[in-house]
Amino acid sequence: MDNIVDSLNIAYQEFIGAAATLLETKESSAAQQAAATGAALESFKQQWELFIVACDQAEEFVASTKQRIGSECLVDESTGSMAGESGQQSTGLPPISAVRLEQISKALRWLVIELQHGPGTASAAFDAGFPEDAAQ
């Protein structure tokens, strides 16, 4: 995580430096400095693009971490490990095994694929993966 923060900070500092250079060059620009202004503008554009890439990487890291934490909490809650550890009251529902939770997750993904691509595309895989559900 520190690498991502450092990368984002460096990209931001370089972007700000390029913006300052562009503004300084533009202010002192004369006819003979048009090339310098163009080069400063190009540098500014490149630093802007690198800054966007660094922001995207940081956003992807945050999203994946958020998803991982959410998944871990869901598994902990469904298997009952949080109720025993933190003293929370049980809901009265039997805990779901982590294996069954993964099966349900896969079934949901197949259903989403079927909804996106039309009927019949995912039902065979769904039925094959969950014989107890296919019998119903």
Protein backbone atom coordinates (compact mmCIF):
# COMPACT_ATOMS: atom_id res chain seq x y z
CA MET A 1 0.00 0.00 0.00
CA ASP A 2 2.89 2.34 0.76
CA ASN A 3 4.18 1.83 -2.79
CA ILE A 4 0.83 2.90 -4.22
CA VAL A 5 0.70 6.00 -2.02
CA ASP A 6 4.29 6.88 -2.90
CA SER A 7 3.62 6.35 -6.59
CA LEU A 8 0.53 8.55 -6.44
CA ASN A 9 2.42 11.25 -4.55
CA ILE A 10 5.34 11.24 -7.01
CA ALA A 11 2.97 11.38 -10.01
CA TYR A 12 1.11 14.30 -8.40
CA GLN A 13 4.31 16.23 -7.65
CA GLU A 14 5.59 15.72 -11.20
CA PHE A 15 2.23 16.79 -12.63
CA ILE A 16 2.24 19.98 -10.52
CA GLY A 17 5.85 20.66 -11.55
CA ALA A 18 4.93 20.28 -15.22
CA ALA A 19 1.98 22.64 -14.75
CA ALA A 20 4.23 25.25 -13.12
CA THR A 21 6.82 24.92 -15.90
CA LEU A 22 4.10 25.30 -18.53
CA LEU A 23 2.75 28.45 -16.91
CA GLU A 24 6.22 29.98 -16.48
CA THR A 25 7.15 29.21 -20.08
CA LYS A 26 3.88 30.59 -21.41
CA GLU A 27 4.26 33.84 -19.45
CA SER A 28 7.76 34.48 -20.73
CA SER A 29 6.95 33.26 -24.20
CA ALA A 30 8.04 35.29 -27.15
CA ALA A 31 8.03 34.31 -30.80
CA GLN A 32 11.36 32.49 -30.41
CA GLN A 33 10.10 30.53 -27.37
CA ALA A 34 7.10 28.92 -29.11
CA ALA A 35 8.98 25.65 -29.27
CA ALA A 36 9.71 25.80 -25.53
CA THR A 37 6.01 26.38 -24.82
CA GLY A 38 5.10 23.40 -27.02
CA ALA A 39 7.60 21.19 -25.20
CA ALA A 40 6.29 22.33 -21.80
CA LEU A 41 2.74 21.65 -22.96
CA GLU A 42 3.70 18.16 -24.12
CA SER A 43 5.44 17.47 -20.79
CA PHE A 44 2.33 18.69 -18.96
CA LYS A 45 0.16 16.33 -21.01
CA GLN A 46 2.44 13.36 -20.30
CA GLN A 47 2.52 14.08 -16.56
CA TRP A 48 -1.27 14.44 -16.54
CA GLU A 49 -1.63 11.00 -18.16
CA LEU A 50 0.85 9.44 -15.71
CA PHE A 51 -1.03 11.00 -12.80
CA ILE A 52 -4.31 9.53 -14.10
CA VAL A 53 -2.66 6.09 -14.34
CA ALA A 54 -1.42 6.38 -10.74
CA CYS A 55 -4.92 7.40 -9.60
CA ASP A 56 -6.44 4.43 -11.44
CA GLN A 57 -3.98 2.04 -9.81
CA ALA A 58 -4.77 3.42 -6.37
CA GLU A 59 -8.50 3.16 -7.07
CA GLU A 60 -8.12 -0.48 -8.19
CA PHE A 61 -6.16 -1.28 -5.04
CA VAL A 62 -8.82 0.28 -2.82
CA ALA A 63 -11.60 -1.56 -4.67
CA SER A 64 -9.85 -4.94 -4.45
CA THR A 65 -9.07 -4.42 -0.76
CA LYS A 66 -12.66 -3.42 -0.10
CA GLN A 67 -13.91 -6.51 -1.93
CA ARG A 68 -11.50 -8.79 -0.08
CA ILE A 69 -12.49 -7.39 3.32
CA GLY A 70 -16.16 -7.67 2.43
CA SER A 71 -15.73 -11.28 1.33
CA GLU A 72 -13.83 -12.17 4.49
CA CYS A 73 -16.52 -10.58 6.66
CA LEU A 74 -19.24 -12.41 4.74
CA VAL A 75 -17.49 -15.75 5.15
CA ASP A 76 -16.86 -15.06 8.85
CA GLU A 77 -20.48 -14.10 9.40
CA SER A 78 -21.89 -17.01 7.45
CA THR A 79 -19.69 -19.58 9.16
CA GLY A 80 -20.47 -18.16 12.59
CA SER A 81 -16.89 -17.40 13.53
CA MET A 82 -17.63 -13.73 14.33
CA ALA A 83 -20.52 -14.52 16.71
CA GLY A 84 -18.34 -16.68 18.92
CA GLU A 85 -15.37 -14.35 18.88
CA SER A 86 -17.00 -10.98 19.42
CA GLY A 87 -19.85 -12.01 21.71
CA GLN A 88 -22.55 -10.98 19.23
CA GLN A 89 -25.87 -12.71 19.47
CA SER A 90 -26.66 -15.41 16.96
CA THR A 91 -29.47 -14.87 14.45
CA GLY A 92 -30.79 -18.37 15.04
CA LEU A 93 -29.91 -19.38 11.48
CA PRO A 94 -27.54 -22.31 11.03
CA PRO A 95 -24.10 -21.23 9.77
CA ILE A 96 -23.31 -21.74 6.09
CA SER A 97 -20.13 -23.58 5.27
CA ALA A 98 -17.50 -21.67 3.35
CA VAL A 99 -17.71 -24.30 0.58
CA ARG A 100 -21.47 -23.83 0.21
CA LEU A 101 -21.02 -20.05 0.25
CA GLU A 102 -18.55 -20.35 -2.64
CA GLN A 103 -21.02 -22.56 -4.52
CA ILE A 104 -23.75 -19.96 -4.05
CA SER A 105 -21.39 -17.25 -5.24
CA LYS A 106 -20.58 -19.21 -8.40
CA ALA A 107 -24.27 -19.85 -9.01
CA LEU A 108 -24.96 -16.13 -8.78
CA ARG A 109 -22.19 -15.38 -11.26
CA TRP A 110 -23.68 -17.90 -13.72
CA LEU A 111 -27.10 -16.34 -13.31
CA VAL A 112 -25.67 -12.91 -14.06
CA ILE A 113 -24.01 -14.29 -17.20
CA GLU A 114 -27.30 -15.86 -18.25
CA LEU A 115 -29.15 -12.60 -17.73
CA GLN A 116 -26.55 -10.69 -19.74
CA HIS A 117 -26.34 -13.13 -22.66
CA GLY A 118 -29.84 -14.52 -22.79
CA PRO A 119 -31.46 -17.73 -21.60
CA GLY A 120 -29.77 -21.08 -21.98
CA THR A 121 -26.14 -19.97 -21.89
CA ALA A 122 -25.42 -20.64 -18.24
CA SER A 123 -28.16 -23.07 -17.18
CA ALA A 124 -26.24 -26.19 -18.20
CA ALA A 125 -23.22 -25.25 -16.12
CA PHE A 126 -25.47 -24.20 -13.25
CA ASP A 127 -27.36 -27.50 -13.28
CA ALA A 128 -24.16 -29.56 -13.55
CA GLY A 129 -22.50 -27.74 -10.67
CA PHE A 130 -25.46 -27.98 -8.29
CA PRO A 131 -27.31 -31.28 -8.64
CA GLU A 132 -29.47 -30.61 -5.57
CA ASP A 133 -30.71 -27.37 -7.18
CA ALA A 134 -31.26 -28.94 -10.61
CA ALA A 135 -33.59 -31.59 -9.21
CA GLN A 136 -36.07 -28.96 -8.06
